Amino acid sequence: MVTIKQIAAELDVSPTTVSNVIHGNTKEVSPQTIQRVRKKIEELQYIPNMNARSLARSSSKMIGLIIRYPTMEGKNVVQDPFNSELIGVIENEVRKLGYFLMLYASDKADEIQKMAITWNVDGIISLGLNAAECRKMKENLKIPLVFIDCYFQDDDESYTNVGLKDRECAKRITEYLIGMGHKKIAFLADNLVGVDYERWQGYREALEEHRIPVQKDSFFQIGFGTAGIIETYDKVFRRISEFTALFFASDYYASFAVNYFYDKGIRVPEDISVVGFDDNIFARNTRPRLTTMRQNPSEKGRTAVAQVLRLIKGERIPVLNIRLDAELVIRDSVMDIRK
């Protein structure tokens, strides 16, 4: 491997001069010398030693991104539209700021914790952990830590988080369904934890404020993997006459349902109305196109990077728990049944 001393010897300049050119400290280096050094660096294909630079600066110049993501057949963390956009924008923002990104995804929280502790990074951004897991990570890691889409059991103001106004947004789209004449609305999600719980609560609040009874069996927990999804939708299909609309906690599940119902001879929205949440590629490519809540993963990613960089610099953050808004996008998957 070519070293700075070798480059300096070939050019008959000091190693300090070469180092200054490499690191951009060129105020006291002549333009001719800068050009010579850069030409020689390119000629010898010099690669900076990141470990040495990190030790010299007492900084790794690394930011970690850890994602808890369930293992599903035929689907990994970067195939999820939300995650892929989020990862892309975080990597881009981190690189623009002179840092490098380390990514680790697993469905096991303990494995994520152990990995995060071993990393020599300046800060970590975390996605997909529940309240207890967030608390444990905050206790174990003594470096800047920013969460995305977390809800906490204890004091929210002790965590730095970038999320969404999930409850308010779910309430808004439920109110849209009610405004279109729907009163028999089912809610479908992975579980009633964190983000899904907040969306369930928004759905309930909308119904209660319009004096529509919340049926105990109007919640369907979607099973794991493709087989689990189909099993859940089979249950919905057997009870399809009990509902006029279905509210899915994500566009992925909503678009899957549109295709499932098509195969069963159930038309959307003529026979059943469907709404989703996120406004990702599934919402736009499904026919009929989905009515949904549009959130902005890129804004979440940029905000998370900005927050972790402020923590790394030791700056005070006035708002620790940021909740972004989403936009109701009306398309073709809801029938107006007021008539």
Foldseek 3Di string as FASTA:
>chain_A
DDDLVNLCVVVVHDSVQLVCLVVVVCPPPDPVVSVSSVVSCVVVVDDDDQVVVCVVVVASLEEEEEEQDDDAPPDDQCNPQLSVLLVVLLQVLSVVVPGHYHYDYYNDLVVRLVVVLPDRHQEYEYEDDEQVSVVVSVVRDPHHYEYEQYDHPDDPQVAFYEYAQLLQFLLVVLLVQVVLVWQFEAEEEQDLGRSNVSSVNSNVVNNVVVPRDDDPPSYFNQAGYPVSNVVRLVVCVVVVVRGQEYEYAALVSQLVSCVVVVVVVAHFNVSHFYAYEAPGPSQCPRVVRHFYWHDDSSVSSNVRSVSSVCVSVVHDDPGRHHHHYTHTDDTGRHHRPPD
